Amino acid sequence: IGIDLSEDMLMEAMAKTDEEQQGILYLNQDMRSFELYGTVRAIV
């Protein structure tokens, strides 16, 4: 899962992911108040 505040940066990320058919979920959120539906094993 990738989170970023910039919609423009995420558009670039999603375009590359679509080309490579990687199942990455990108979310346009502020990291100071991010929300997930569940827990994750790690955050980087």
ModelCIF file with pLDDT and N, C-alpha, C, O atoms, coordinates in Angstrom:
data_MODEL
#
_entry.id   MODEL 
#
_entity.id                         1 
_entity.type                       polymer 
_entity.pdbx_number_of_molecules   1 
#
_entity_poly.entity_id                      1 
_entity_poly.type                           'polypeptide(L)' 
_entity_poly.nstd_linkage                   no 
_entity_poly.nstd_monomer                   no 
_entity_poly.pdbx_seq_one_letter_code       IGIDLSEDMLMEAMAKTDEEQQGILYLNQDMRSFELYGTVRAIV 
_entity_poly.pdbx_seq_one_letter_code_can   IGIDLSEDMLMEAMAKTDEEQQGILYLNQDMRSFELYGTVRAIV 
_entity_poly.pdbx_strand_id                 A 
#
loop_
_entity_poly_seq.entity_id 
_entity_poly_seq.num 
_entity_poly_seq.mon_id 
_entity_poly_seq.hetero 
1 1  ILE n 
1 2  GLY n 
1 3  ILE n 
1 4  ASP n 
1 5  LEU n 
1 6  SER n 
1 7  GLU n 
1 8  ASP n 
1 9  MET n 
1 10 LEU n 
1 11 MET n 
1 12 GLU n 
1 13 ALA n 
1 14 MET n 
1 15 ALA n 
1 16 LYS n 
1 17 THR n 
1 18 ASP n 
1 19 GLU n 
1 20 GLU n 
1 21 GLN n 
1 22 GLN n 
1 23 GLY n 
1 24 ILE n 
1 25 LEU n 
1 26 TYR n 
1 27 LEU n 
1 28 ASN n 
1 29 GLN n 
1 30 ASP n 
1 31 MET n 
1 32 ARG n 
1 33 SER n 
1 34 PHE n 
1 35 GLU n 
1 36 LEU n 
1 37 TYR n 
1 38 GLY n 
1 39 THR n 
1 40 VAL n 
1 41 ARG n 
1 42 ALA n 
1 43 ILE n 
1 44 VAL n 
#
_struct_asym.id          A 
_struct_asym.entity_id   1 
#
loop_
_ma_qa_metric.id 
_ma_qa_metric.mode 
_ma_qa_metric.name 
_ma_qa_metric.software_group_id 
_ma_qa_metric.type 
1 global pLDDT . pLDDT 
2 local  pLDDT . pLDDT 
#
_ma_qa_metric_global.metric_id      1 
_ma_qa_metric_global.metric_value   88.36 
_ma_qa_metric_global.model_id       1 
_ma_qa_metric_global.ordinal_id     1 
#
loop_
_ma_qa_metric_local.label_asym_id 
_ma_qa_metric_local.label_comp_id 
_ma_qa_metric_local.label_seq_id 
_ma_qa_metric_local.metric_id 
_ma_qa_metric_local.metric_value 
_ma_qa_metric_local.model_id 
_ma_qa_metric_local.ordinal_id 
A ILE 1  2 97.00 1 1  
A GLY 2  2 96.00 1 2  
A ILE 3  2 97.00 1 3  
A ASP 4  2 95.00 1 4  
A LEU 5  2 92.00 1 5  
A SER 6  2 87.00 1 6  
A GLU 7  2 88.00 1 7  
A ASP 8  2 84.00 1 8  
A MET 9  2 85.00 1 9  
A LEU 10 2 91.00 1 10 
A MET 11 2 87.00 1 11 
A GLU 12 2 83.00 1 12 
A ALA 13 2 87.00 1 13 
A MET 14 2 88.00 1 14 
A ALA 15 2 83.00 1 15 
A LYS 16 2 76.00 1 16 
A THR 17 2 64.00 1 17 
A ASP 18 2 61.00 1 18 
A GLU 19 2 57.00 1 19 
A GLU 20 2 59.00 1 20 
A GLN 21 2 55.00 1 21 
A GLN 22 2 67.00 1 22 
A GLY 23 2 84.00 1 23 
A ILE 24 2 93.00 1 24 
A LEU 25 2 94.00 1 25 
A TYR 26 2 94.00 1 26 
A LEU 27 2 96.00 1 27 
A ASN 28 2 96.00 1 28 
A GLN 29 2 96.00 1 29 
A ASP 30 2 96.00 1 30 
A MET 31 2 96.00 1 31 
A ARG 32 2 97.00 1 32 
A SER 33 2 97.00 1 33 
A PHE 34 2 97.00 1 34 
A GLU 35 2 97.00 1 35 
A LEU 36 2 97.00 1 36 
A TYR 37 2 95.00 1 37 
A GLY 38 2 96.00 1 38 
A THR 39 2 98.00 1 39 
A VAL 40 2 98.00 1 40 
A ARG 41 2 98.00 1 41 
A ALA 42 2 98.00 1 42 
A ILE 43 2 98.00 1 43 
A VAL 44 2 98.00 1 44 
#
loop_
_atom_site.group_PDB 
_atom_site.id 
_atom_site.type_symbol 
_atom_site.label_atom_id 
_atom_site.label_alt_id 
_atom_site.label_comp_id 
_atom_site.label_asym_id 
_atom_site.label_entity_id 
_atom_site.label_seq_id 
_atom_site.pdbx_PDB_ins_code 
_atom_site.Cartn_x 
_atom_site.Cartn_y 
_atom_site.Cartn_z 
_atom_site.occupancy 
_atom_site.B_iso_or_equiv 
_atom_site.pdbx_formal_charge 
_atom_site.auth_seq_id 
_atom_site.auth_comp_id 
_atom_site.auth_asym_id 
_atom_site.auth_atom_id 
_atom_site.pdbx_PDB_model_num 
ATOM 1   N N  . ILE A 1 1  ? 0.873  -1.167 0.000   1.00 97.00 ? 1  ILE A N  1 
ATOM 2   C CA . ILE A 1 1  ? 0.000  0.000  0.000   1.00 97.00 ? 1  ILE A CA 1 
ATOM 3   C C  . ILE A 1 1  ? 0.914  1.221  0.000   1.00 97.00 ? 1  ILE A C  1 
ATOM 4   O O  . ILE A 1 1  ? 1.889  1.268  0.750   1.00 97.00 ? 1  ILE A O  1 
ATOM 5   N N  . GLY A 1 2  ? 0.602  2.206  -0.836  1.00 96.00 ? 2  GLY A N  1 
ATOM 6   C CA . GLY A 1 2  ? 1.375  3.438  -0.862  1.00 96.00 ? 2  GLY A CA 1 
ATOM 7   C C  . GLY A 1 2  ? 0.490  4.629  -0.552  1.00 96.00 ? 2  GLY A C  1 
ATOM 8   O O  . GLY A 1 2  ? -0.596 4.764  -1.116  1.00 96.00 ? 2  GLY A O  1 
ATOM 9   N N  . ILE A 1 3  ? 0.950  5.496  0.344   1.00 97.00 ? 3  ILE A N  1 
ATOM 10  C CA . ILE A 1 3  ? 0.208  6.707  0.704   1.00 97.00 ? 3  ILE A CA 1 
ATOM 11  C C  . ILE A 1 3  ? 1.060  7.928  0.383   1.00 97.00 ? 3  ILE A C  1 
ATOM 12  O O  . ILE A 1 3  ? 2.252  7.969  0.689   1.00 97.00 ? 3  ILE A O  1 
ATOM 13  N N  . ASP A 1 4  ? 0.424  8.927  -0.245  1.00 95.00 ? 4  ASP A N  1 
ATOM 14  C CA . ASP A 1 4  ? 1.124  10.183 -0.505  1.00 95.00 ? 4  ASP A CA 1 
ATOM 15  C C  . ASP A 1 4  ? 0.124  11.326 -0.513  1.00 95.00 ? 4  ASP A C  1 
ATOM 16  O O  . ASP A 1 4  ? -1.043 11.140 -0.861  1.00 95.00 ? 4  ASP A O  1 
ATOM 17  N N  . LEU A 1 5  ? 0.585  12.507 -0.130  1.00 92.00 ? 5  LEU A N  1 
ATOM 18  C CA . LEU A 1 5  ? -0.260 13.695 -0.083  1.00 92.00 ? 5  LEU A CA 1 
ATOM 19  C C  . LEU A 1 5  ? -0.501 14.283 -1.473  1.00 92.00 ? 5  LEU A C  1 
ATOM 20  O O  . LEU A 1 5  ? -1.514 14.944 -1.701  1.00 92.00 ? 5  LEU A O  1 
ATOM 21  N N  . SER A 1 6  ? 0.425  14.043 -2.399  1.00 87.00 ? 6  SER A N  1 
ATOM 22  C CA . SER A 1 6  ? 0.363  14.654 -3.723  1.00 87.00 ? 6  SER A CA 1 
ATOM 23  C C  . SER A 1 6  ? -0.394 13.774 -4.713  1.00 87.00 ? 6  SER A C  1 
ATOM 24  O O  . SER A 1 6  ? 0.029  12.657 -5.013  1.00 87.00 ? 6  SER A O  1 
ATOM 25  N N  . GLU A 1 7  ? -1.513 14.286 -5.217  1.00 88.00 ? 7  GLU A N  1 
ATOM 26  C CA . GLU A 1 7  ? -2.257 13.559 -6.249  1.00 88.00 ? 7  GLU A CA 1 
ATOM 27  C C  . GLU A 1 7  ? -1.420 13.395 -7.508  1.00 88.00 ? 7  GLU A C  1 
ATOM 28  O O  . GLU A 1 7  ? -1.488 12.363 -8.175  1.00 88.00 ? 7  GLU A O  1 
ATOM 29  N N  . ASP A 1 8  ? -0.625 14.420 -7.834  1.00 84.00 ? 8  ASP A N  1 
ATOM 30  C CA . ASP A 1 8  ? 0.185  14.371 -9.050  1.00 84.00 ? 8  ASP A CA 1 
ATOM 31  C C  . ASP A 1 8  ? 1.225  13.256 -8.982  1.00 84.00 ? 8  ASP A C  1 
ATOM 32  O O  . ASP A 1 8  ? 1.445  12.543 -9.961  1.00 84.00 ? 8  ASP A O  1 
ATOM 33  N N  . MET A 1 9  ? 1.863  13.109 -7.820  1.00 85.00 ? 9  MET A N  1 
ATOM 34  C CA . MET A 1 9  ? 2.846  12.039 -7.661  1.00 85.00 ? 9  MET A CA 1 
ATOM 35  C C  . MET A 1 9  ? 2.174  10.676 -7.757  1.00 85.00 ? 9  MET A C  1 
ATOM 36  O O  . MET A 1 9  ? 2.714  9.756  -8.372  1.00 85.00 ? 9  MET A O  1 
ATOM 37  N N  . LEU A 1 10 ? 1.002  10.545 -7.155  1.00 91.00 ? 10 LEU A N  1 
ATOM 38  C CA . LEU A 1 10 ? 0.296  9.267  -7.191  1.00 91.00 ? 10 LEU A CA 1 
ATOM 39  C C  . LEU A 1 10 ? -0.156 8.916  -8.600  1.00 91.00 ? 10 LEU A C  1 
ATOM 40  O O  . LEU A 1 10 ? -0.179 7.738  -8.958  1.00 91.00 ? 10 LEU A O  1 
ATOM 41  N N  . MET A 1 11 ? -0.512 9.900  -9.400  1.00 87.00 ? 11 MET A N  1 
ATOM 42  C CA . MET A 1 11 ? -0.890 9.629  -10.782 1.00 87.00 ? 11 MET A CA 1 
ATOM 43  C C  . MET A 1 11 ? 0.280  9.024  -11.550 1.00 87.00 ? 11 MET A C  1 
ATOM 44  O O  . MET A 1 11 ? 0.109  8.105  -12.350 1.00 87.00 ? 11 MET A O  1 
ATOM 45  N N  . GLU A 1 12 ? 1.479  9.561  -11.290 1.00 83.00 ? 12 GLU A N  1 
ATOM 46  C CA . GLU A 1 12 ? 2.677  8.993  -11.916 1.00 83.00 ? 12 GLU A CA 1 
ATOM 47  C C  . GLU A 1 12 ? 2.896  7.559  -11.438 1.00 83.00 ? 12 GLU A C  1 
ATOM 48  O O  . GLU A 1 12 ? 3.221  6.676  -12.232 1.00 83.00 ? 12 GLU A O  1 
ATOM 49  N N  . ALA A 1 13 ? 2.717  7.335  -10.140 1.00 87.00 ? 13 ALA A N  1 
ATOM 50  C CA . ALA A 1 13 ? 2.909  5.998  -9.572  1.00 87.00 ? 13 ALA A CA 1 
ATOM 51  C C  . ALA A 1 13 ? 1.917  5.003  -10.146 1.00 87.00 ? 13 ALA A C  1 
ATOM 52  O O  . ALA A 1 13 ? 2.299  3.888  -10.500 1.00 87.00 ? 13 ALA A O  1 
ATOM 53  N N  . MET A 1 14 ? 0.655  5.383  -10.243 1.00 88.00 ? 14 MET A N  1 
ATOM 54  C CA . MET A 1 14 ? -0.374 4.472  -10.733 1.00 88.00 ? 14 MET A CA 1 
ATOM 55  C C  . MET A 1 14 ? -0.183 4.152  -12.205 1.00 88.00 ? 14 MET A C  1 
ATOM 56  O O  . MET A 1 14 ? -0.481 3.041  -12.644 1.00 88.00 ? 14 MET A O  1 
ATOM 57  N N  . ALA A 1 15 ? 0.311  5.116  -12.967 1.00 83.00 ? 15 ALA A N  1 
ATOM 58  C CA . ALA A 1 15 ? 0.562  4.860  -14.389 1.00 83.00 ? 15 ALA A CA 1 
ATOM 59  C C  . ALA A 1 15 ? 1.625  3.781  -14.559 1.00 83.00 ? 15 ALA A C  1 
ATOM 60  O O  . ALA A 1 15 ? 1.481  2.900  -15.407 1.00 83.00 ? 15 ALA A O  1 
ATOM 61  N N  . LYS A 1 16 ? 2.685  3.841  -13.767 1.00 76.00 ? 16 LYS A N  1 
ATOM 62  C CA . LYS A 1 16 ? 3.741  2.818  -13.855 1.00 76.00 ? 16 LYS A CA 1 
ATOM 63  C C  . LYS A 1 16 ? 3.241  1.470  -13.359 1.00 76.00 ? 16 LYS A C  1 
ATOM 64  O O  . LYS A 1 16 ? 3.578  0.429  -13.924 1.00 76.00 ? 16 LYS A O  1 
ATOM 65  N N  . THR A 1 17 ? 2.439  1.490  -12.305 1.00 64.00 ? 17 THR A N  1 
ATOM 66  C CA . THR A 1 17 ? 1.922  0.242  -11.751 1.00 64.00 ? 17 THR A CA 1 
ATOM 67  C C  . THR A 1 17 ? 0.986  -0.446 -12.737 1.00 64.00 ? 17 THR A C  1 
ATOM 68  O O  . THR A 1 17 ? 1.020  -1.668 -12.879 1.00 64.00 ? 17 THR A O  1 
ATOM 69  N N  . ASP A 1 18 ? 0.146  0.340  -13.421 1.00 61.00 ? 18 ASP A N  1 
ATOM 70  C CA . ASP A 1 18 ? -0.774 -0.233 -14.408 1.00 61.00 ? 18 ASP A CA 1 
ATOM 71  C C  . ASP A 1 18 ? -0.006 -0.903 -15.533 1.00 61.00 ? 18 ASP A C  1 
ATOM 72  O O  . ASP A 1 18 ? -0.395 -1.968 -16.011 1.00 61.00 ? 18 ASP A O  1 
ATOM 73  N N  . GLU A 1 19 ? 1.089  -0.276 -15.957 1.00 57.00 ? 19 GLU A N  1 
ATOM 74  C CA . GLU A 1 19 ? 1.904  -0.841 -17.033 1.00 57.00 ? 19 GLU A CA 1 
ATOM 75  C C  . GLU A 1 19 ? 2.490  -2.187 -16.621 1.00 57.00 ? 19 GLU A C  1 
ATOM 76  O O  . GLU A 1 19 ? 2.590  -3.099 -17.442 1.00 57.00 ? 19 GLU A O  1 
ATOM 77  N N  . GLU A 1 20 ? 2.871  -2.312 -15.373 1.00 59.00 ? 20 GLU A N  1 
ATOM 78  C CA . GLU A 1 20 ? 3.526  -3.533 -14.905 1.00 59.00 ? 20 GLU A CA 1 
ATOM 79  C C  . GLU A 1 20 ? 2.548  -4.513 -14.257 1.00 59.00 ? 20 GLU A C  1 
ATOM 80  O O  . GLU A 1 20 ? 2.933  -5.611 -13.854 1.00 59.00 ? 20 GLU A O  1 
ATOM 81  N N  . GLN A 1 21 ? 1.278  -4.105 -14.163 1.00 55.00 ? 21 GLN A N  1 
ATOM 82  C CA . GLN A 1 21 ? 0.224  -4.952 -13.606 1.00 55.00 ? 21 GLN A CA 1 
ATOM 83  C C  . GLN A 1 21 ? 0.566  -5.451 -12.196 1.00 55.00 ? 21 GLN A C  1 
ATOM 84  O O  . GLN A 1 21 ? 0.398  -6.625 -11.865 1.00 55.00 ? 21 GLN A O  1 
ATOM 85  N N  . GLN A 1 22 ? 1.046  -4.517 -11.390 1.00 67.00 ? 22 GLN A N  1 
ATOM 86  C CA . GLN A 1 22 ? 1.319  -4.831 -9.986  1.00 67.00 ? 22 GLN A CA 1 
ATOM 87  C C  . GLN A 1 22 ? 0.099  -4.462 -9.152  1.00 67.00 ? 22 GLN A C  1 
ATOM 88  O O  . GLN A 1 22 ? -0.501 -3.408 -9.360  1.00 67.00 ? 22 GLN A O  1 
ATOM 89  N N  . GLY A 1 23 ? -0.264 -5.309 -8.224  1.00 84.00 ? 23 GLY A N  1 
ATOM 90  C CA . GLY A 1 23 ? -1.449 -5.077 -7.410  1.00 84.00 ? 23 GLY A CA 1 
ATOM 91  C C  . GLY A 1 23 ? -1.181 -4.174 -6.232  1.00 84.00 ? 23 GLY A C  1 
ATOM 92  O O  . GLY A 1 23 ? -1.349 -4.593 -5.087  1.00 84.00 ? 23 GLY A O  1 
ATOM 93  N N  . ILE A 1 24 ? -0.769 -2.942 -6.481  1.00 93.00 ? 24 ILE A N  1 
ATOM 94  C CA . ILE A 1 24 ? -0.457 -1.988 -5.409  1.00 93.00 ? 24 ILE A CA 1 
ATOM 95  C C  . ILE A 1 24 ? -1.653 -1.070 -5.205  1.00 93.00 ? 24 ILE A C  1 
ATOM 96  O O  . ILE A 1 24 ? -2.226 -0.563 -6.169  1.00 93.00 ? 24 ILE A O  1 
ATOM 97  N N  . LEU A 1 25 ? -2.025 -0.861 -3.953  1.00 94.00 ? 25 LEU A N  1 
ATOM 98  C CA . LEU A 1 25 ? -3.097 0.069  -3.612  1.00 94.00 ? 25 LEU A CA 1 
ATOM 99  C C  . LEU A 1 25 ? -2.473 1.415  -3.244  1.00 94.00 ? 25 LEU A C  1 
ATOM 100 O O  . LEU A 1 25 ? -1.696 1.505  -2.294  1.00 94.00 ? 25 LEU A O  1 
ATOM 101 N N  . TYR A 1 26 ? -2.815 2.454  -3.997  1.00 94.00 ? 26 TYR A N  1 
ATOM 102 C CA . TYR A 1 26 ? -2.325 3.794  -3.694  1.00 94.00 ? 26 TYR A CA 1 
ATOM 103 C C  . TYR A 1 26 ? -3.461 4.631  -3.103  1.00 94.00 ? 26 TYR A C  1 
ATOM 104 O O  . TYR A 1 26 ? -4.586 4.611  -3.602  1.00 94.00 ? 26 TYR A O  1 
ATOM 105 N N  . LEU A 1 27 ? -3.150 5.364  -2.035  1.00 96.00 ? 27 LEU A N  1 
ATOM 106 C CA . LEU A 1 27 ? -4.134 6.184  -1.339  1.00 96.00 ? 27 LEU A CA 1 
ATOM 107 C C  . LEU A 1 27 ? -3.636 7.622  -1.228  1.00 96.00 ? 27 LEU A C  1 
ATOM 108 O O  . LEU A 1 27 ? -2.497 7.867  -0.829  1.00 96.00 ? 27 LEU A O  1 
ATOM 109 N N  . ASN A 1 28 ? -4.498 8.565  -1.584  1.00 96.00 ? 28 ASN A N  1 
ATOM 110 C CA . ASN A 1 28 ? -4.169 9.982  -1.466  1.00 96.00 ? 28 ASN A CA 1 
ATOM 111 C C  . ASN A 1 28 ? -4.561 10.456 -0.069  1.00 96.00 ? 28 ASN A C  1 
ATOM 112 O O  . ASN A 1 28 ? -5.708 10.833 0.171   1.00 96.00 ? 28 ASN A O  1 
ATOM 113 N N  . GLN A 1 29 ? -3.593 10.431 0.849   1.00 96.00 ? 29 GLN A N  1 
ATOM 114 C CA . GLN A 1 29 ? -3.848 10.810 2.237   1.00 96.00 ? 29 GLN A CA 1 
ATOM 115 C C  . GLN A 1 29 ? -2.662 11.578 2.800   1.00 96.00 ? 29 GLN A C  1 
ATOM 116 O O  . GLN A 1 29 ? -1.541 11.487 2.299   1.00 96.00 ? 29 GLN A O  1 
ATOM 117 N N  . ASP A 1 30 ? -2.935 12.327 3.840   1.00 96.00 ? 30 ASP A N  1 
ATOM 118 C CA . ASP A 1 30 ? -1.903 13.006 4.614   1.00 96.00 ? 30 ASP A CA 1 
ATOM 119 C C  . ASP A 1 30 ? -1.377 12.009 5.644   1.00 96.00 ? 30 ASP A C  1 
ATOM 120 O O  . ASP A 1 30 ? -2.155 11.429 6.402   1.00 96.00 ? 30 ASP A O  1 
ATOM 121 N N  . MET A 1 31 ? -0.077 11.813 5.672   1.00 96.00 ? 31 MET A N  1 
ATOM 122 C CA . MET A 1 31 ? 0.484  10.813 6.585   1.00 96.00 ? 31 MET A CA 1 
ATOM 123 C C  . MET A 1 31 ? 0.259  11.182 8.054   1.00 96.00 ? 31 MET A C  1 
ATOM 124 O O  . MET A 1 31 ? 0.372  10.328 8.933   1.00 96.00 ? 31 MET A O  1 
ATOM 125 N N  . ARG A 1 32 ? -0.058 12.441 8.316   1.00 97.00 ? 32 ARG A N  1 
ATOM 126 C CA . ARG A 1 32 ? -0.310 12.868 9.696   1.00 97.00 ? 32 ARG A CA 1 
ATOM 127 C C  . ARG A 1 32 ? -1.678 12.414 10.201  1.00 97.00 ? 32 ARG A C  1 
ATOM 128 O O  . ARG A 1 32 ? -1.971 12.498 11.393  1.00 97.00 ? 32 ARG A O  1 
ATOM 129 N N  . SER A 1 33 ? -2.502 11.935 9.285   1.00 97.00 ? 33 SER A N  1 
ATOM 130 C CA . SER A 1 33 ? -3.848 11.504 9.689   1.00 97.00 ? 33 SER A CA 1 
ATOM 131 C C  . SER A 1 33 ? -4.320 10.331 8.824   1.00 97.00 ? 33 SER A C  1 
ATOM 132 O O  . SER A 1 33 ? -5.510 10.214 8.532   1.00 97.00 ? 33 SER A O  1 
ATOM 133 N N  . PHE A 1 34 ? -3.390 9.463  8.415   1.00 97.00 ? 34 PHE A N  1 
ATOM 134 C CA . PHE A 1 34 ? -3.753 8.385  7.502   1.00 97.00 ? 34 PHE A CA 1 
ATOM 135 C C  . PHE A 1 34 ? -4.679 7.366  8.161   1.00 97.00 ? 34 PHE A C  1 
ATOM 136 O O  . PHE A 1 34 ? -4.688 7.201  9.381   1.00 97.00 ? 34 PHE A O  1 
ATOM 137 N N  . GLU A 1 35 ? -5.457 6.690  7.315   1.00 97.00 ? 35 GLU A N  1 
ATOM 138 C CA . GLU A 1 35 ? -6.398 5.686  7.785   1.00 97.00 ? 35 GLU A CA 1 
ATOM 139 C C  . GLU A 1 35 ? -6.290 4.433  6.924   1.00 97.00 ? 35 GLU A C  1 
ATOM 140 O O  . GLU A 1 35 ? -6.156 4.517  5.703   1.00 97.00 ? 35 GLU A O  1 
ATOM 141 N N  . LEU A 1 36 ? -6.349 3.276  7.565   1.00 97.00 ? 36 LEU A N  1 
ATOM 142 C CA . LEU A 1 36 ? -6.353 1.992  6.879   1.00 97.00 ? 36 LEU A CA 1 
ATOM 143 C C  . LEU A 1 36 ? -7.561 1.188  7.338   1.00 97.00 ? 36 LEU A C  1 
ATOM 144 O O  . LEU A 1 36 ? -8.160 1.484  8.372   1.00 97.00 ? 36 LEU A O  1 
ATOM 145 N N  . TYR A 1 37 ? -7.914 0.162  6.556   1.00 95.00 ? 37 TYR A N  1 
ATOM 146 C CA . TYR A 1 37 ? -9.037 -0.697 6.924   1.00 95.00 ? 37 TYR A CA 1 
ATOM 147 C C  . TYR A 1 37 ? -8.635 -1.785 7.918   1.00 95.00 ? 37 TYR A C  1 
ATOM 148 O O  . TYR A 1 37 ? -9.492 -2.396 8.555   1.00 95.00 ? 37 TYR A O  1 
ATOM 149 N N  . GLY A 1 38 ? -7.332 -2.024 8.050   1.00 96.00 ? 38 GLY A N  1 
ATOM 150 C CA . GLY A 1 38 ? -6.842 -3.041 8.972   1.00 96.00 ? 38 GLY A CA 1 
ATOM 151 C C  . GLY A 1 38 ? -5.388 -2.780 9.278   1.00 96.00 ? 38 GLY A C  1 
ATOM 152 O O  . GLY A 1 38 ? -4.879 -1.696 8.994   1.00 96.00 ? 38 GLY A O  1 
ATOM 153 N N  . THR A 1 39 ? -4.716 -3.749 9.850   1.00 98.00 ? 39 THR A N  1 
ATOM 154 C CA . THR A 1 39 ? -3.319 -3.583 10.231  1.00 98.00 ? 39 THR A CA 1 
ATOM 155 C C  . THR A 1 39 ? -2.381 -4.138 9.156   1.00 98.00 ? 39 THR A C  1 
ATOM 156 O O  . THR A 1 39 ? -2.799 -4.889 8.275   1.00 98.00 ? 39 THR A O  1 
ATOM 157 N N  . VAL A 1 40 ? -1.121 -3.758 9.249   1.00 98.00 ? 40 VAL A N  1 
ATOM 158 C CA . VAL A 1 40 ? -0.089 -4.188 8.302   1.00 98.00 ? 40 VAL A CA 1 
ATOM 159 C C  . VAL A 1 40 ? 1.103  -4.737 9.085   1.00 98.00 ? 40 VAL A C  1 
ATOM 160 O O  . VAL A 1 40 ? 1.278  -4.433 10.265  1.00 98.00 ? 40 VAL A O  1 
ATOM 161 N N  . ARG A 1 41 ? 1.910  -5.539 8.420   1.00 98.00 ? 41 ARG A N  1 
ATOM 162 C CA . ARG A 1 41 ? 3.054  -6.136 9.108   1.00 98.00 ? 41 ARG A CA 1 
ATOM 163 C C  . ARG A 1 41 ? 4.172  -5.126 9.330   1.00 98.00 ? 41 ARG A C  1 
ATOM 164 O O  . ARG A 1 41 ? 4.917  -5.212 10.306  1.00 98.00 ? 41 ARG A O  1 
ATOM 165 N N  . ALA A 1 42 ? 4.279  -4.169 8.412   1.00 98.00 ? 42 ALA A N  1 
ATOM 166 C CA . ALA A 1 42 ? 5.346  -3.169 8.538   1.00 98.00 ? 42 ALA A CA 1 
ATOM 167 C C  . ALA A 1 42 ? 4.923  -1.885 7.852   1.00 98.00 ? 42 ALA A C  1 
ATOM 168 O O  . ALA A 1 42 ? 4.079  -1.882 6.956   1.00 98.00 ? 42 ALA A O  1 
ATOM 169 N N  . ILE A 1 43 ? 5.529  -0.797 8.296   1.00 98.00 ? 43 ILE A N  1 
ATOM 170 C CA . ILE A 1 43 ? 5.394  0.507  7.653   1.00 98.00 ? 43 ILE A CA 1 
ATOM 171 C C  . ILE A 1 43 ? 6.797  1.001  7.347   1.00 98.00 ? 43 ILE A C  1 
ATOM 172 O O  . ILE A 1 43 ? 7.692  0.897  8.185   1.00 98.00 ? 43 ILE A O  1 
ATOM 173 N N  . VAL A 1 44 ? 6.992  1.537  6.152   1.00 98.00 ? 44 VAL A N  1 
ATOM 174 C CA . VAL A 1 44 ? 8.300  2.069  5.759   1.00 98.00 ? 44 VAL A CA 1 
ATOM 175 C C  . VAL A 1 44 ? 8.120  3.474  5.209   1.00 98.00 ? 44 VAL A C  1 
ATOM 176 O O  . VAL A 1 44 ? 9.097  4.113  4.817   1.00 98.00 ? 44 VAL A O  1 
#
